[in-house]
PDB file of all heavy atoms in Angstrom:
ATOM      1  N   LEU A   1       5.931  -7.739   1.019  1.00  0.00           N
ATOM      2  CA  LEU A   1       5.776  -6.588   1.896  1.00  0.00           C
ATOM      3  C   LEU A   1       5.372  -7.089   3.279  1.00  0.00           C
ATOM      4  O   LEU A   1       4.314  -7.694   3.425  1.00  0.00           O
ATOM      5  CB  LEU A   1       4.747  -5.616   1.347  1.00  0.00           C
ATOM      6  CG  LEU A   1       4.712  -4.203   1.935  1.00  0.00           C
ATOM      7  CD1 LEU A   1       6.047  -3.489   1.641  1.00  0.00           C
ATOM      8  CD2 LEU A   1       3.563  -3.400   1.344  1.00  0.00           C
ATOM      9  N   ALA A   2       6.234  -6.897   4.279  1.00  0.00           N
ATOM     10  CA  ALA A   2       5.927  -7.350   5.623  1.00  0.00           C
ATOM     11  C   ALA A   2       5.024  -6.321   6.297  1.00  0.00           C
ATOM     12  O   ALA A   2       5.380  -5.147   6.399  1.00  0.00           O
ATOM     13  CB  ALA A   2       7.222  -7.525   6.430  1.00  0.00           C
ATOM     14  N   LEU A   3       3.866  -6.791   6.779  1.00  0.00           N
ATOM     15  CA  LEU A   3       2.909  -5.925   7.463  1.00  0.00           C
ATOM     16  C   LEU A   3       2.821  -6.337   8.923  1.00  0.00           C
ATOM     17  O   LEU A   3       2.944  -7.521   9.266  1.00  0.00           O
ATOM     18  CB  LEU A   3       1.507  -6.048   6.826  1.00  0.00           C
ATOM     19  CG  LEU A   3       1.407  -5.706   5.326  1.00  0.00           C
ATOM     20  CD1 LEU A   3      -0.018  -5.867   4.858  1.00  0.00           C
ATOM     21  CD2 LEU A   3       1.925  -4.290   5.063  1.00  0.00           C
ATOM     22  N   ASP A   4       2.623  -5.361   9.767  1.00  0.00           N
ATOM     23  CA  ASP A   4       2.426  -5.593  11.190  1.00  0.00           C
ATOM     24  C   ASP A   4       0.987  -5.271  11.550  1.00  0.00           C
ATOM     25  O   ASP A   4       0.574  -4.109  11.509  1.00  0.00           O
ATOM     26  CB  ASP A   4       3.401  -4.708  12.001  1.00  0.00           C
ATOM     27  CG  ASP A   4       3.298  -4.940  13.495  1.00  0.00           C
ATOM     28  OD1 ASP A   4       2.453  -5.777  13.914  1.00  0.00           O
ATOM     29  OD2 ASP A   4       4.033  -4.291  14.261  1.00  0.00           O
ATOM     30  N   ILE A   5       0.207  -6.291  11.851  1.00  0.00           N
ATOM     31  CA  ILE A   5      -1.211  -6.116  12.166  1.00  0.00           C
ATOM     32  C   ILE A   5      -1.427  -6.492  13.622  1.00  0.00           C
ATOM     33  O   ILE A   5      -1.477  -7.693  13.988  1.00  0.00           O
ATOM     34  CB  ILE A   5      -2.088  -6.994  11.235  1.00  0.00           C
ATOM     35  CG1 ILE A   5      -1.801  -6.655   9.777  1.00  0.00           C
ATOM     36  CG2 ILE A   5      -3.576  -6.783  11.560  1.00  0.00           C
ATOM     37  CD1 ILE A   5      -2.566  -7.504   8.789  1.00  0.00           C
ATOM     38  N   SER A   6      -1.511  -5.476  14.477  1.00  0.00           N
ATOM     39  CA  SER A   6      -1.705  -5.678  15.921  1.00  0.00           C
ATOM     40  C   SER A   6      -0.629  -6.607  16.495  1.00  0.00           C
ATOM     41  O   SER A   6      -0.921  -7.493  17.301  1.00  0.00           O
ATOM     42  CB  SER A   6      -3.105  -6.236  16.189  1.00  0.00           C
ATOM     43  OG  SER A   6      -4.087  -5.348  15.737  1.00  0.00           O
ATOM     44  N   GLY A   7       0.612  -6.374  16.083  1.00  0.00           N
ATOM     45  CA  GLY A   7       1.713  -7.196  16.585  1.00  0.00           C
ATOM     46  C   GLY A   7       1.894  -8.526  15.876  1.00  0.00           C
ATOM     47  O   GLY A   7       2.812  -9.255  16.207  1.00  0.00           O
ATOM     48  N   ARG A   8       1.018  -8.812  14.928  1.00  0.00           N
ATOM     49  CA  ARG A   8       1.108 -10.101  14.197  1.00  0.00           C
ATOM     50  C   ARG A   8       1.685  -9.874  12.809  1.00  0.00           C
ATOM     51  O   ARG A   8       1.145  -9.081  12.043  1.00  0.00           O
ATOM     52  CB  ARG A   8      -0.313 -10.715  14.113  1.00  0.00           C
ATOM     53  CG  ARG A   8      -0.386 -12.034  13.362  1.00  0.00           C
ATOM     54  CD  ARG A   8      -1.776 -12.637  13.538  1.00  0.00           C
ATOM     55  NE  ARG A   8      -2.827 -11.695  13.214  1.00  0.00           N
ATOM     56  CZ  ARG A   8      -3.360 -11.554  12.021  1.00  0.00           C
ATOM     57  NH1 ARG A   8      -2.906 -12.298  10.989  1.00  0.00           N
ATOM     58  NH2 ARG A   8      -4.327 -10.669  11.788  1.00  0.00           N
ATOM     59  N   PRO A   9       2.798 -10.533  12.463  1.00  0.00           N
ATOM     60  CA  PRO A   9       3.408 -10.324  11.141  1.00  0.00           C
ATOM     61  C   PRO A   9       2.597 -11.026  10.043  1.00  0.00           C
ATOM     62  O   PRO A   9       2.186 -12.181  10.188  1.00  0.00           O
ATOM     63  CB  PRO A   9       4.798 -10.924  11.281  1.00  0.00           C
ATOM     64  CG  PRO A   9       4.647 -11.963  12.379  1.00  0.00           C
ATOM     65  CD  PRO A   9       3.587 -11.465  13.295  1.00  0.00           C
ATOM     66  N   VAL A  10       2.359 -10.315   8.964  1.00  0.00           N
ATOM     67  CA  VAL A  10       1.641 -10.839   7.810  1.00  0.00           C
ATOM     68  C   VAL A  10       2.414 -10.424   6.573  1.00  0.00           C
ATOM     69  O   VAL A  10       2.822  -9.268   6.433  1.00  0.00           O
ATOM     70  CB  VAL A  10       0.191 -10.316   7.734  1.00  0.00           C
ATOM     71  CG1 VAL A  10      -0.478 -10.793   6.461  1.00  0.00           C
ATOM     72  CG2 VAL A  10      -0.603 -10.777   8.945  1.00  0.00           C
ATOM     73  N   GLU A  11       2.610 -11.365   5.669  1.00  0.00           N
ATOM     74  CA  GLU A  11       3.348 -11.061   4.439  1.00  0.00           C
ATOM     75  C   GLU A  11       2.363 -10.848   3.289  1.00  0.00           C
ATOM     76  O   GLU A  11       1.472 -11.665   3.032  1.00  0.00           O
ATOM     77  CB  GLU A  11       4.313 -12.194   4.099  1.00  0.00           C
ATOM     78  CG  GLU A  11       5.218 -11.856   2.907  1.00  0.00           C
ATOM     79  CD  GLU A  11       6.275 -12.913   2.655  1.00  0.00           C
ATOM     80  OE1 GLU A  11       7.307 -12.911   3.370  1.00  0.00           O
ATOM     81  OE2 GLU A  11       6.041 -13.759   1.761  1.00  0.00           O
ATOM     82  N   ALA A  12       2.503  -9.719   2.614  1.00  0.00           N
ATOM     83  CA  ALA A  12       1.671  -9.391   1.466  1.00  0.00           C
ATOM     84  C   ALA A  12       2.547  -9.274   0.238  1.00  0.00           C
ATOM     85  O   ALA A  12       3.787  -9.121   0.329  1.00  0.00           O
ATOM     86  CB  ALA A  12       0.928  -8.081   1.700  1.00  0.00           C
ATOM     87  N   VAL A  13       1.934  -9.339  -0.953  1.00  0.00           N
ATOM     88  CA  VAL A  13       2.663  -9.277  -2.218  1.00  0.00           C
ATOM     89  C   VAL A  13       2.136  -8.089  -3.016  1.00  0.00           C
ATOM     90  O   VAL A  13       0.924  -7.912  -3.162  1.00  0.00           O
ATOM     91  CB  VAL A  13       2.471 -10.555  -3.048  1.00  0.00           C
ATOM     92  CG1 VAL A  13       3.227 -10.482  -4.366  1.00  0.00           C
ATOM     93  CG2 VAL A  13       2.935 -11.786  -2.258  1.00  0.00           C
ATOM     94  N   VAL A  14       3.053  -7.257  -3.478  1.00  0.00           N
ATOM     95  CA  VAL A  14       2.677  -6.091  -4.291  1.00  0.00           C
ATOM     96  C   VAL A  14       2.400  -6.551  -5.711  1.00  0.00           C
ATOM     97  O   VAL A  14       3.299  -7.046  -6.405  1.00  0.00           O
ATOM     98  CB  VAL A  14       3.802  -5.033  -4.285  1.00  0.00           C
ATOM     99  CG1 VAL A  14       3.417  -3.842  -5.160  1.00  0.00           C
ATOM    100  CG2 VAL A  14       4.105  -4.576  -2.867  1.00  0.00           C
ATOM    101  N   VAL A  15       1.147  -6.408  -6.170  1.00  0.00           N
ATOM    102  CA  VAL A  15       0.778  -6.863  -7.510  1.00  0.00           C
ATOM    103  C   VAL A  15       0.388  -5.711  -8.425  1.00  0.00           C
ATOM    104  O   VAL A  15       0.195  -5.930  -9.637  1.00  0.00           O
ATOM    105  CB  VAL A  15      -0.416  -7.854  -7.423  1.00  0.00           C
ATOM    106  CG1 VAL A  15      -0.025  -9.102  -6.657  1.00  0.00           C
ATOM    107  CG2 VAL A  15      -1.634  -7.222  -6.812  1.00  0.00           C
ATOM    108  N   GLY A  16       0.263  -4.500  -7.888  1.00  0.00           N
ATOM    109  CA  GLY A  16      -0.140  -3.395  -8.748  1.00  0.00           C
ATOM    110  C   GLY A  16       0.261  -2.063  -8.148  1.00  0.00           C
ATOM    111  O   GLY A  16       0.392  -1.924  -6.936  1.00  0.00           O
ATOM    112  N   LEU A  17       0.487  -1.098  -9.021  1.00  0.00           N
ATOM    113  CA  LEU A  17       0.824   0.256  -8.614  1.00  0.00           C
ATOM    114  C   LEU A  17      -0.167   1.236  -9.242  1.00  0.00           C
ATOM    115  O   LEU A  17      -0.377   1.235 -10.460  1.00  0.00           O
ATOM    116  CB  LEU A  17       2.253   0.613  -9.063  1.00  0.00           C
ATOM    117  CG  LEU A  17       3.381  -0.268  -8.510  1.00  0.00           C
ATOM    118  CD1 LEU A  17       4.707   0.124  -9.116  1.00  0.00           C
ATOM    119  CD2 LEU A  17       3.439  -0.212  -6.998  1.00  0.00           C
ATOM    120  N   LEU A  18      -0.776   2.039  -8.371  1.00  0.00           N
ATOM    121  CA  LEU A  18      -1.763   3.017  -8.853  1.00  0.00           C
ATOM    122  C   LEU A  18      -1.066   4.275  -9.361  1.00  0.00           C
ATOM    123  O   LEU A  18      -0.120   4.754  -8.737  1.00  0.00           O
ATOM    124  CB  LEU A  18      -2.715   3.379  -7.718  1.00  0.00           C
ATOM    125  CG  LEU A  18      -3.675   2.284  -7.220  1.00  0.00           C
ATOM    126  CD1 LEU A  18      -4.448   2.765  -6.012  1.00  0.00           C
ATOM    127  CD2 LEU A  18      -4.644   1.886  -8.323  1.00  0.00           C
ATOM    128  N   ARG A  19      -1.542   4.773 -10.479  1.00  0.00           N
ATOM    129  CA  ARG A  19      -1.020   6.012 -11.031  1.00  0.00           C
ATOM    130  C   ARG A  19      -2.168   7.035 -11.052  1.00  0.00           C
ATOM    131  O   ARG A  19      -2.875   7.136 -12.045  1.00  0.00           O
ATOM    132  CB  ARG A  19      -0.471   5.804 -12.433  1.00  0.00           C
ATOM    133  CG  ARG A  19       0.659   4.789 -12.491  1.00  0.00           C
ATOM    134  CD  ARG A  19       1.172   4.607 -13.910  1.00  0.00           C
ATOM    135  NE  ARG A  19       2.267   3.668 -13.978  1.00  0.00           N
ATOM    136  CZ  ARG A  19       2.091   2.359 -14.150  1.00  0.00           C
ATOM    137  NH1 ARG A  19       0.873   1.867 -14.223  1.00  0.00           N
ATOM    138  NH2 ARG A  19       3.146   1.559 -14.192  1.00  0.00           N
ATOM    139  N   PRO A  20      -2.343   7.776  -9.958  1.00  0.00           N
ATOM    140  CA  PRO A  20      -3.426   8.762  -9.922  1.00  0.00           C
ATOM    141  C   PRO A  20      -3.260   9.840 -10.991  1.00  0.00           C
ATOM    142  O   PRO A  20      -2.134  10.158 -11.410  1.00  0.00           O
ATOM    143  CB  PRO A  20      -3.316   9.364  -8.517  1.00  0.00           C
ATOM    144  CG  PRO A  20      -2.529   8.343  -7.724  1.00  0.00           C
ATOM    145  CD  PRO A  20      -1.609   7.706  -8.702  1.00  0.00           C
ATOM    146  N   ALA A  21      -4.384  10.379 -11.417  1.00  0.00           N
ATOM    147  CA  ALA A  21      -4.359  11.329 -12.513  1.00  0.00           C
ATOM    148  C   ALA A  21      -3.960  12.738 -12.076  1.00  0.00           C
ATOM    149  O   ALA A  21      -3.591  13.560 -12.899  1.00  0.00           O
ATOM    150  CB  ALA A  21      -5.722  11.374 -13.210  1.00  0.00           C
ATOM    151  N   ASP A  22      -4.046  13.061 -10.776  1.00  0.00           N
ATOM    152  CA  ASP A  22      -3.747  14.430 -10.325  1.00  0.00           C
ATOM    153  C   ASP A  22      -3.009  14.382  -9.009  1.00  0.00           C
ATOM    154  O   ASP A  22      -2.928  13.336  -8.347  1.00  0.00           O
ATOM    155  CB  ASP A  22      -5.034  15.249 -10.193  1.00  0.00           C
ATOM    156  CG  ASP A  22      -6.069  14.565  -9.336  1.00  0.00           C
ATOM    157  OD1 ASP A  22      -5.896  14.575  -8.104  1.00  0.00           O
ATOM    158  OD2 ASP A  22      -7.037  13.987  -9.882  1.00  0.00           O
ATOM    159  N   SER A  23      -2.460  15.525  -8.583  1.00  0.00           N
ATOM    160  CA  SER A  23      -1.647  15.603  -7.374  1.00  0.00           C
ATOM    161  C   SER A  23      -2.486  15.360  -6.119  1.00  0.00           C
ATOM    162  O   SER A  23      -2.002  14.832  -5.139  1.00  0.00           O
ATOM    163  CB  SER A  23      -0.959  16.968  -7.295  1.00  0.00           C
ATOM    164  OG  SER A  23      -1.909  18.027  -7.288  1.00  0.00           O
ATOM    165  N   VAL A  24      -3.759  15.814  -6.133  1.00  0.00           N
ATOM    166  CA  VAL A  24      -4.626  15.607  -4.967  1.00  0.00           C
ATOM    167  C   VAL A  24      -4.829  14.126  -4.707  1.00  0.00           C
ATOM    168  O   VAL A  24      -4.752  13.646  -3.588  1.00  0.00           O
ATOM    169  CB  VAL A  24      -5.955  16.335  -5.156  1.00  0.00           C
ATOM    170  CG1 VAL A  24      -6.904  16.021  -3.986  1.00  0.00           C
ATOM    171  CG2 VAL A  24      -5.763  17.830  -5.277  1.00  0.00           C
ATOM    172  N   SER A  25      -5.105  13.393  -5.775  1.00  0.00           N
ATOM    173  CA  SER A  25      -5.293  11.925  -5.643  1.00  0.00           C
ATOM    174  C   SER A  25      -4.012  11.248  -5.178  1.00  0.00           C
ATOM    175  O   SER A  25      -4.031  10.303  -4.406  1.00  0.00           O
ATOM    176  CB  SER A  25      -5.776  11.321  -6.958  1.00  0.00           C
ATOM    177  OG  SER A  25      -7.024  11.849  -7.333  1.00  0.00           O
ATOM    178  N   ARG A  26      -2.875  11.734  -5.660  1.00  0.00           N
ATOM    179  CA  ARG A  26      -1.595  11.132  -5.250  1.00  0.00           C
ATOM    180  C   ARG A  26      -1.372  11.307  -3.747  1.00  0.00           C
ATOM    181  O   ARG A  26      -0.947  10.382  -3.066  1.00  0.00           O
ATOM    182  CB  ARG A  26      -0.435  11.774  -6.032  1.00  0.00           C
ATOM    183  CG  ARG A  26      -0.266  11.237  -7.443  1.00  0.00           C
ATOM    184  CD  ARG A  26       1.087  11.621  -8.025  1.00  0.00           C
ATOM    185  NE  ARG A  26       1.181  13.076  -8.219  1.00  0.00           N
ATOM    186  CZ  ARG A  26       0.797  13.700  -9.320  1.00  0.00           C
ATOM    187  NH1 ARG A  26       0.263  13.001 -10.322  1.00  0.00           N
ATOM    188  NH2 ARG A  26       0.929  14.999  -9.438  1.00  0.00           N
ATOM    189  N   ARG A  27      -1.666  12.500  -3.215  1.00  0.00           N
ATOM    190  CA  ARG A  27      -1.523  12.700  -1.767  1.00  0.00           C
ATOM    191  C   ARG A  27      -2.567  11.891  -0.995  1.00  0.00           C
ATOM    192  O   ARG A  27      -2.283  11.391   0.086  1.00  0.00           O
ATOM    193  CB  ARG A  27      -1.683  14.194  -1.440  1.00  0.00           C
ATOM    194  CG  ARG A  27      -0.542  15.039  -1.937  1.00  0.00           C
ATOM    195  CD  ARG A  27      -0.528  16.408  -1.264  1.00  0.00           C
ATOM    196  NE  ARG A  27      -1.771  17.129  -1.473  1.00  0.00           N
ATOM    197  CZ  ARG A  27      -1.973  17.966  -2.484  1.00  0.00           C
ATOM    198  NH1 ARG A  27      -1.030  18.164  -3.391  1.00  0.00           N
ATOM    199  NH2 ARG A  27      -3.120  18.609  -2.607  1.00  0.00           N
ATOM    200  N   ALA A  28      -3.761  11.750  -1.564  1.00  0.00           N
ATOM    201  CA  ALA A  28      -4.812  11.016  -0.871  1.00  0.00           C
ATOM    202  C   ALA A  28      -4.493   9.544  -0.744  1.00  0.00           C
ATOM    203  O   ALA A  28      -4.802   8.892   0.256  1.00  0.00           O
ATOM    204  CB  ALA A  28      -6.135  11.210  -1.597  1.00  0.00           C
TER     205      ALA A  28
END
């Protein structure tokens, strides 16, 4: 995942996906 931090490119790796228990948490 390419991130832009104050104009500086940083590469991150997706290691987990959150599954919120309710719709409010999903939007949050």
